[in-house]
Amino acid sequence: MAKKKAAEDARGTPEVILEVLFDRGVLSVCIRNIGTRAALKVSVSFDRRFTGLGGAKEISSLPLFKNVEFLGPAREIVTLLDTSASYFMREQPTKIAARVSYHDADDRKYETTIHHDLDIYRELSWISSTTEHEDHERGKSSA
């Protein structure tokens, strides 16, 4: 029995997390397998509903979060949430808990709850890659 357990430990396990990413004023949601084995039947449920894309899409109910049949080790799926300005202006939830469930190839079930506080991104600053003048000039040339 101990040899079997050691063999399982040597192969590793999947470890799936849900992250909220911030990149220069853009918020994204990422399902990532940081483990060493594939994760199967990945699902994420949220403790509250939240919308993105300026309020046009309920991100928390996307099919992505219902069932990812296979997520290999060191793989991720990222979806755009919203700009941080839009998300906070629309007073979307800042404290979100995500319940992540998945299986390994031996059909062992794993579950974890990850808590996020998006308020940490509210007052971050960043530099845009273009200036307003460049945006204005680009708009004039395409008209």
N, C-alpha and C. Protein backbone atom coordinates (compact mmCIF):
# COMPACT_ATOMS: atom_id res chain seq x y z
N MET A 1 0.82 -1.19 0.00
CA MET A 1 0.00 0.00 0.00
C MET A 1 0.87 1.27 0.00
N ALA A 2 1.93 1.28 0.79
CA ALA A 2 2.82 2.43 0.85
C ALA A 2 3.50 2.67 -0.49
N LYS A 3 3.87 1.57 -1.22
CA LYS A 3 4.50 1.72 -2.54
C LYS A 3 3.54 2.35 -3.53
N LYS A 4 2.26 1.96 -3.48
CA LYS A 4 1.26 2.53 -4.38
C LYS A 4 1.11 4.03 -4.11
N LYS A 5 1.04 4.41 -2.83
CA LYS A 5 0.93 5.82 -2.46
C LYS A 5 2.15 6.61 -2.93
N ALA A 6 3.34 6.02 -2.78
CA ALA A 6 4.58 6.68 -3.22
C ALA A 6 4.57 6.86 -4.73
N ALA A 7 4.08 5.86 -5.47
CA ALA A 7 4.01 5.97 -6.93
C ALA A 7 3.05 7.08 -7.34
N GLU A 8 1.91 7.20 -6.65
CA GLU A 8 0.95 8.26 -6.94
C GLU A 8 1.57 9.62 -6.66
N ASP A 9 2.28 9.74 -5.54
CA ASP A 9 2.92 11.01 -5.19
C ASP A 9 3.97 11.38 -6.22
N ALA A 10 4.70 10.41 -6.74
CA ALA A 10 5.76 10.67 -7.72
C ALA A 10 5.17 11.20 -9.03
N ARG A 11 3.96 10.75 -9.38
CA ARG A 11 3.31 11.23 -10.60
C ARG A 11 2.77 12.64 -10.44
N GLY A 12 2.57 13.06 -9.23
CA GLY A 12 2.04 14.39 -8.97
C GLY A 12 0.52 14.43 -9.05
N THR A 13 -0.01 15.62 -8.94
CA THR A 13 -1.45 15.82 -8.98
C THR A 13 -1.77 17.08 -9.79
N PRO A 14 -3.01 17.18 -10.26
CA PRO A 14 -3.42 18.46 -10.83
C PRO A 14 -3.65 19.46 -9.69
N GLU A 15 -3.54 20.71 -9.97
CA GLU A 15 -3.88 21.75 -9.00
C GLU A 15 -4.41 22.94 -9.79
N VAL A 16 -5.71 23.09 -9.78
CA VAL A 16 -6.35 24.13 -10.59
C VAL A 16 -6.72 25.31 -9.70
N ILE A 17 -6.41 26.49 -10.20
CA ILE A 17 -6.72 27.73 -9.48
C ILE A 17 -7.50 28.66 -10.41
N LEU A 18 -8.18 29.60 -9.81
CA LEU A 18 -8.82 30.67 -10.56
C LEU A 18 -8.18 31.97 -10.11
N GLU A 19 -7.66 32.71 -11.08
CA GLU A 19 -7.02 33.98 -10.77
C GLU A 19 -7.76 35.12 -11.45
N VAL A 20 -7.71 36.28 -10.83
CA VAL A 20 -8.13 37.51 -11.47
C VAL A 20 -6.84 38.26 -11.79
N LEU A 21 -6.65 38.56 -13.06
CA LEU A 21 -5.43 39.21 -13.52
C LEU A 21 -5.70 40.68 -13.82
N PHE A 22 -4.71 41.52 -13.55
CA PHE A 22 -4.77 42.94 -13.86
C PHE A 22 -3.58 43.27 -14.74
N ASP A 23 -3.85 43.86 -15.90
CA ASP A 23 -2.76 44.25 -16.80
C ASP A 23 -3.09 45.59 -17.42
N ARG A 24 -2.44 46.63 -16.95
CA ARG A 24 -2.59 47.99 -17.49
C ARG A 24 -4.04 48.41 -17.65
N GLY A 25 -4.81 48.21 -16.58
CA GLY A 25 -6.19 48.68 -16.58
C GLY A 25 -7.20 47.69 -17.12
N VAL A 26 -6.76 46.49 -17.45
CA VAL A 26 -7.67 45.46 -17.96
C VAL A 26 -7.71 44.30 -16.97
N LEU A 27 -8.92 43.90 -16.61
CA LEU A 27 -9.12 42.74 -15.72
C LEU A 27 -9.48 41.53 -16.55
N SER A 28 -8.87 40.40 -16.23
CA SER A 28 -9.17 39.12 -16.88
C SER A 28 -9.35 38.07 -15.80
N VAL A 29 -10.03 36.98 -16.18
CA VAL A 29 -10.22 35.85 -15.28
C VAL A 29 -9.53 34.66 -15.93
N CYS A 30 -8.78 33.90 -15.13
CA CYS A 30 -7.95 32.82 -15.64
C CYS A 30 -8.16 31.54 -14.84
N ILE A 31 -8.45 30.45 -15.54
CA ILE A 31 -8.43 29.12 -14.93
C ILE A 31 -7.07 28.53 -15.31
N ARG A 32 -6.28 28.15 -14.30
CA ARG A 32 -4.92 27.69 -14.56
C ARG A 32 -4.64 26.41 -13.79
N ASN A 33 -4.03 25.43 -14.46
CA ASN A 33 -3.58 24.20 -13.81
C ASN A 33 -2.10 24.38 -13.48
N ILE A 34 -1.80 24.60 -12.21
CA ILE A 34 -0.41 24.77 -11.78
C ILE A 34 0.19 23.44 -11.32
N GLY A 35 -0.58 22.36 -11.47
CA GLY A 35 -0.12 21.04 -11.06
C GLY A 35 0.70 20.35 -12.12
N THR A 36 1.07 19.10 -11.84
CA THR A 36 1.94 18.33 -12.73
C THR A 36 1.20 17.26 -13.52
N ARG A 37 -0.11 17.14 -13.29
CA ARG A 37 -0.95 16.19 -14.05
C ARG A 37 -2.16 16.93 -14.60
N ALA A 38 -2.76 16.34 -15.61
CA ALA A 38 -3.96 16.93 -16.21
C ALA A 38 -5.11 16.95 -15.21
N ALA A 39 -5.93 17.97 -15.32
CA ALA A 39 -7.17 18.07 -14.55
C ALA A 39 -8.33 17.79 -15.49
N LEU A 40 -9.30 17.01 -15.01
CA LEU A 40 -10.46 16.64 -15.80
C LEU A 40 -11.73 17.20 -15.16
N LYS A 41 -12.72 17.46 -15.98
CA LYS A 41 -14.04 17.91 -15.49
C LYS A 41 -13.91 19.11 -14.56
N VAL A 42 -13.20 20.13 -15.01
CA VAL A 42 -12.98 21.33 -14.20
C VAL A 42 -14.24 22.20 -14.22
N SER A 43 -14.68 22.63 -13.05
CA SER A 43 -15.79 23.57 -12.97
C SER A 43 -15.50 24.59 -11.87
N VAL A 44 -16.07 25.77 -12.05
CA VAL A 44 -15.90 26.85 -11.09
C VAL A 44 -17.28 27.42 -10.79
N SER A 45 -17.61 27.56 -9.52
CA SER A 45 -18.84 28.24 -9.14
C SER A 45 -18.46 29.44 -8.27
N PHE A 46 -19.18 30.52 -8.46
CA PHE A 46 -18.89 31.76 -7.76
C PHE A 46 -19.97 32.01 -6.70
N ASP A 47 -19.58 32.68 -5.63
CA ASP A 47 -20.53 32.97 -4.56
C ASP A 47 -21.45 34.13 -4.89
N ARG A 48 -21.14 34.84 -5.94
CA ARG A 48 -22.01 35.94 -6.38
C ARG A 48 -21.87 36.15 -7.87
N ARG A 49 -22.88 36.75 -8.43
CA ARG A 49 -22.93 37.04 -9.86
C ARG A 49 -22.13 38.32 -10.14
N PHE A 50 -21.42 38.36 -11.28
CA PHE A 50 -20.75 39.59 -11.68
C PHE A 50 -20.72 39.68 -13.20
N THR A 51 -20.78 40.91 -13.68
CA THR A 51 -20.81 41.13 -15.12
C THR A 51 -19.54 41.85 -15.57
N GLY A 52 -19.25 41.70 -16.84
CA GLY A 52 -18.11 42.36 -17.45
C GLY A 52 -18.49 42.95 -18.79
N LEU A 53 -17.47 43.35 -19.54
CA LEU A 53 -17.67 43.94 -20.86
C LEU A 53 -18.68 45.09 -20.80
N GLY A 54 -18.46 45.97 -19.83
CA GLY A 54 -19.33 47.12 -19.67
C GLY A 54 -20.72 46.79 -19.18
N GLY A 55 -20.90 45.61 -18.61
CA GLY A 55 -22.20 45.18 -18.11
C GLY A 55 -22.96 44.32 -19.11
N ALA A 56 -22.38 44.08 -20.28
CA ALA A 56 -23.07 43.35 -21.35
C ALA A 56 -23.06 41.84 -21.17
N LYS A 57 -22.17 41.30 -20.34
CA LYS A 57 -22.02 39.85 -20.25
C LYS A 57 -21.89 39.42 -18.80
N GLU A 58 -22.70 38.42 -18.41
CA GLU A 58 -22.55 37.86 -17.06
C GLU A 58 -21.38 36.87 -17.10
N ILE A 59 -20.24 37.32 -16.65
CA ILE A 59 -19.00 36.53 -16.72
C ILE A 59 -19.10 35.30 -15.82
N SER A 60 -19.69 35.45 -14.65
CA SER A 60 -19.75 34.36 -13.68
C SER A 60 -20.56 33.16 -14.16
N SER A 61 -21.35 33.31 -15.22
CA SER A 61 -22.15 32.19 -15.71
C SER A 61 -21.69 31.69 -17.09
N LEU A 62 -20.52 32.08 -17.52
CA LEU A 62 -20.01 31.62 -18.82
C LEU A 62 -19.88 30.09 -18.85
N PRO A 63 -20.14 29.46 -19.99
CA PRO A 63 -19.95 28.01 -20.12
C PRO A 63 -18.54 27.56 -19.73
N LEU A 64 -17.56 28.42 -19.90
CA LEU A 64 -16.18 28.12 -19.50
C LEU A 64 -16.11 27.62 -18.06
N PHE A 65 -16.94 28.15 -17.20
CA PHE A 65 -16.88 27.80 -15.78
C PHE A 65 -17.73 26.59 -15.42
N LYS A 66 -18.49 26.08 -16.37
CA LYS A 66 -19.36 24.92 -16.10
C LYS A 66 -18.64 23.60 -16.25
N ASN A 67 -17.82 23.46 -17.31
CA ASN A 67 -17.14 22.19 -17.53
C ASN A 67 -16.02 22.33 -18.55
N VAL A 68 -14.80 22.23 -18.08
CA VAL A 68 -13.64 22.11 -18.97
C VAL A 68 -13.24 20.64 -18.87
N GLU A 69 -13.45 19.89 -19.93
CA GLU A 69 -13.21 18.44 -19.89
C GLU A 69 -11.77 18.09 -19.58
N PHE A 70 -10.81 18.87 -20.12
CA PHE A 70 -9.39 18.54 -19.96
C PHE A 70 -8.59 19.83 -19.88
N LEU A 71 -7.77 19.95 -18.85
CA LEU A 71 -6.85 21.08 -18.71
C LEU A 71 -5.49 20.51 -18.34
N GLY A 72 -4.60 20.51 -19.31
CA GLY A 72 -3.28 19.92 -19.11
C GLY A 72 -2.45 20.66 -18.08
N PRO A 73 -1.38 20.02 -17.62
CA PRO A 73 -0.49 20.69 -16.65
C PRO A 73 0.14 21.93 -17.29
N ALA A 74 0.28 22.97 -16.51
CA ALA A 74 0.87 24.24 -16.94
C ALA A 74 0.06 24.89 -18.06
N ARG A 75 -1.24 24.61 -18.12
CA ARG A 75 -2.12 25.22 -19.13
C ARG A 75 -3.10 26.16 -18.44
N GLU A 76 -3.61 27.13 -19.22
CA GLU A 76 -4.55 28.09 -18.69
C GLU A 76 -5.53 28.51 -19.76
N ILE A 77 -6.68 28.96 -19.31
CA ILE A 77 -7.68 29.57 -20.19
C ILE A 77 -8.01 30.92 -19.58
N VAL A 78 -7.86 31.97 -20.39
CA VAL A 78 -8.06 33.33 -19.90
C VAL A 78 -9.20 33.98 -20.69
N THR A 79 -10.08 34.68 -19.98
CA THR A 79 -11.13 35.45 -20.64
C THR A 79 -11.13 36.88 -20.10
N LEU A 80 -11.42 37.81 -20.96
CA LEU A 80 -11.51 39.21 -20.59
C LEU A 80 -12.68 39.42 -19.64
N LEU A 81 -12.46 40.16 -18.58
CA LEU A 81 -13.54 40.54 -17.68
C LEU A 81 -14.04 41.93 -18.06
N ASP A 82 -13.19 42.94 -17.94
CA ASP A 82 -13.61 44.32 -18.21
C ASP A 82 -12.40 45.22 -17.99
N THR A 83 -12.55 46.49 -18.31
CA THR A 83 -11.54 47.43 -17.86
C THR A 83 -11.79 47.66 -16.37
N SER A 84 -10.76 47.96 -15.65
CA SER A 84 -10.94 48.19 -14.21
C SER A 84 -11.83 49.41 -13.98
N ALA A 85 -11.69 50.45 -14.80
CA ALA A 85 -12.52 51.65 -14.64
C ALA A 85 -14.00 51.30 -14.79
N SER A 86 -14.35 50.53 -15.80
CA SER A 86 -15.74 50.15 -16.03
C SER A 86 -16.24 49.25 -14.91
N TYR A 87 -15.45 48.28 -14.51
CA TYR A 87 -15.87 47.33 -13.47
C TYR A 87 -16.20 48.06 -12.18
N PHE A 88 -15.32 48.96 -11.75
CA PHE A 88 -15.53 49.66 -10.48
C PHE A 88 -16.61 50.73 -10.61
N MET A 89 -16.71 51.39 -11.76
CA MET A 89 -17.73 52.40 -11.96
C MET A 89 -19.13 51.77 -11.88
N ARG A 90 -19.26 50.55 -12.34
CA ARG A 90 -20.55 49.86 -12.32
C ARG A 90 -20.83 49.18 -10.98
N GLU A 91 -19.94 49.39 -10.02
CA GLU A 91 -20.09 48.87 -8.66
C GLU A 91 -20.32 47.36 -8.62
N GLN A 92 -19.50 46.65 -9.38
CA GLN A 92 -19.55 45.19 -9.37
C GLN A 92 -18.90 44.68 -8.08
N PRO A 93 -19.18 43.42 -7.71
CA PRO A 93 -18.60 42.90 -6.45
C PRO A 93 -17.08 42.92 -6.47
N THR A 94 -16.51 43.30 -5.35
CA THR A 94 -15.04 43.28 -5.26
C THR A 94 -14.55 42.05 -4.50
N LYS A 95 -15.36 41.53 -3.62
CA LYS A 95 -14.98 40.31 -2.90
C LYS A 95 -15.72 39.14 -3.54
N ILE A 96 -14.96 38.23 -4.12
CA ILE A 96 -15.53 37.10 -4.85
C ILE A 96 -14.86 35.81 -4.38
N ALA A 97 -15.66 34.81 -4.09
CA ALA A 97 -15.12 33.48 -3.77
C ALA A 97 -15.44 32.55 -4.93
N ALA A 98 -14.42 31.80 -5.35
CA ALA A 98 -14.57 30.85 -6.45
C ALA A 98 -14.31 29.45 -5.93
N ARG A 99 -15.29 28.57 -6.09
CA ARG A 99 -15.17 27.15 -5.69
C ARG A 99 -14.74 26.38 -6.93
N VAL A 100 -13.51 25.86 -6.91
CA VAL A 100 -12.93 25.15 -8.06
C VAL A 100 -12.98 23.65 -7.76
N SER A 101 -13.59 22.89 -8.68
CA SER A 101 -13.69 21.43 -8.54
C SER A 101 -13.13 20.78 -9.79
N TYR A 102 -12.46 19.63 -9.60
CA TYR A 102 -11.89 18.91 -10.74
C TYR A 102 -11.50 17.51 -10.30
N HIS A 103 -11.16 16.67 -11.27
CA HIS A 103 -10.75 15.28 -11.02
C HIS A 103 -9.40 15.04 -11.65
N ASP A 104 -8.72 13.98 -11.20
CA ASP A 104 -7.51 13.53 -11.90
C ASP A 104 -7.88 12.31 -12.75
N ALA A 105 -6.90 11.76 -13.45
CA ALA A 105 -7.15 10.62 -14.34
C ALA A 105 -7.60 9.37 -13.59
N ASP A 106 -7.32 9.30 -12.29
CA ASP A 106 -7.76 8.17 -11.47
C ASP A 106 -9.13 8.44 -10.83
N ASP A 107 -9.79 9.48 -11.29
CA ASP A 107 -11.13 9.89 -10.85
C ASP A 107 -11.18 10.35 -9.38
N ARG A 108 -10.04 10.78 -8.83
CA ARG A 108 -10.05 11.39 -7.50
C ARG A 108 -10.55 12.83 -7.65
N LYS A 109 -11.41 13.24 -6.76
CA LYS A 109 -11.98 14.58 -6.83
C LYS A 109 -11.21 15.54 -5.93
N TYR A 110 -11.02 16.75 -6.44
CA TYR A 110 -10.35 17.82 -5.70
C TYR A 110 -11.27 19.04 -5.69
N GLU A 111 -11.26 19.76 -4.59
CA GLU A 111 -12.03 21.00 -4.48
C GLU A 111 -11.26 21.99 -3.62
N THR A 112 -11.36 23.24 -4.01
CA THR A 112 -10.76 24.30 -3.22
C THR A 112 -11.56 25.57 -3.44
N THR A 113 -11.57 26.44 -2.44
CA THR A 113 -12.22 27.74 -2.57
C THR A 113 -11.14 28.81 -2.52
N ILE A 114 -11.18 29.69 -3.51
CA ILE A 114 -10.19 30.76 -3.61
C ILE A 114 -10.93 32.09 -3.46
N HIS A 115 -10.46 32.91 -2.55
CA HIS A 115 -11.09 34.21 -2.28
C HIS A 115 -10.28 35.31 -2.97
N HIS A 116 -10.99 36.20 -3.63
CA HIS A 116 -10.35 37.34 -4.30
C HIS A 116 -10.94 38.64 -3.78
N ASP A 117 -10.09 39.64 -3.67
CA ASP A 117 -10.53 40.99 -3.33
C ASP A 117 -10.06 41.91 -4.45
N LEU A 118 -10.95 42.18 -5.38
CA LEU A 118 -10.59 42.98 -6.54
C LEU A 118 -10.34 44.45 -6.19
N ASP A 119 -10.72 44.85 -5.01
CA ASP A 119 -10.50 46.24 -4.59
C ASP A 119 -9.02 46.61 -4.58
N ILE A 120 -8.14 45.63 -4.51
CA ILE A 120 -6.69 45.93 -4.53
C ILE A 120 -6.27 46.56 -5.86
N TYR A 121 -7.08 46.38 -6.90
CA TYR A 121 -6.74 46.93 -8.22
C TYR A 121 -7.33 48.32 -8.45
N ARG A 122 -8.20 48.76 -7.56
CA ARG A 122 -8.97 50.00 -7.79
C ARG A 122 -8.09 51.22 -8.03
N GLU A 123 -7.03 51.39 -7.28
CA GLU A 123 -6.25 52.61 -7.38
C GLU A 123 -4.87 52.41 -8.01
N LEU A 124 -4.69 51.31 -8.73
CA LEU A 124 -3.42 51.10 -9.42
C LEU A 124 -3.30 52.05 -10.61
N SER A 125 -2.09 52.46 -10.88
CA SER A 125 -1.81 53.34 -12.02
C SER A 125 -1.05 52.58 -13.08
N TRP A 126 -1.17 53.02 -14.31
CA TRP A 126 -0.44 52.41 -15.41
C TRP A 126 -0.25 53.45 -16.50
N ILE A 127 0.65 53.17 -17.39
CA ILE A 127 0.93 54.06 -18.51
C ILE A 127 0.37 53.40 -19.76
N SER A 128 -0.42 54.16 -20.49
CA SER A 128 -0.97 53.66 -21.75
C SER A 128 0.15 53.58 -22.78
N SER A 129 0.02 52.66 -23.73
CA SER A 129 1.06 52.50 -24.74
C SER A 129 0.99 53.60 -25.80
N THR A 130 -0.12 54.34 -25.87
CA THR A 130 -0.23 55.47 -26.79
C THR A 130 -0.70 56.68 -26.01
N THR A 131 -0.44 57.85 -26.55
CA THR A 131 -0.90 59.07 -25.91
C THR A 131 -2.23 59.48 -26.52
N GLU A 132 -2.95 60.38 -25.87
CA GLU A 132 -4.22 60.86 -26.42
C GLU A 132 -3.99 61.51 -27.78
N HIS A 133 -2.88 62.23 -27.94
CA HIS A 133 -2.56 62.89 -29.20
C HIS A 133 -2.40 61.84 -30.31
N GLU A 134 -1.68 60.74 -30.02
CA GLU A 134 -1.51 59.68 -31.03
C GLU A 134 -2.85 59.04 -31.37
N ASP A 135 -3.70 58.83 -30.38
CA ASP A 135 -5.02 58.27 -30.64
C ASP A 135 -5.85 59.20 -31.51
N HIS A 136 -5.78 60.51 -31.21
CA HIS A 136 -6.53 61.50 -31.98
C HIS A 136 -6.03 61.54 -33.43
N GLU A 137 -4.73 61.55 -33.62
CA GLU A 137 -4.16 61.57 -34.97
C GLU A 137 -4.51 60.30 -35.74
N ARG A 138 -4.49 59.18 -35.09
CA ARG A 138 -4.84 57.91 -35.73
C ARG A 138 -6.31 57.94 -36.16
N GLY A 139 -7.16 58.52 -35.33
CA GLY A 139 -8.60 58.65 -35.66
C GLY A 139 -8.83 59.54 -36.86
N LYS A 140 -8.04 60.64 -37.01
CA LYS A 140 -8.18 61.54 -38.14
C LYS A 140 -7.76 60.86 -39.45
N SER A 141 -6.71 60.04 -39.38
CA SER A 141 -6.21 59.41 -40.61
C SER A 141 -7.12 58.28 -41.09
N SER A 142 -7.94 57.72 -40.21
CA SER A 142 -8.82 56.63 -40.64
C SER A 142 -10.20 57.15 -41.04
N ALA A 143 -10.43 58.44 -40.89
CA ALA A 143 -11.75 58.99 -41.23
C ALA A 143 -11.89 59.29 -42.70
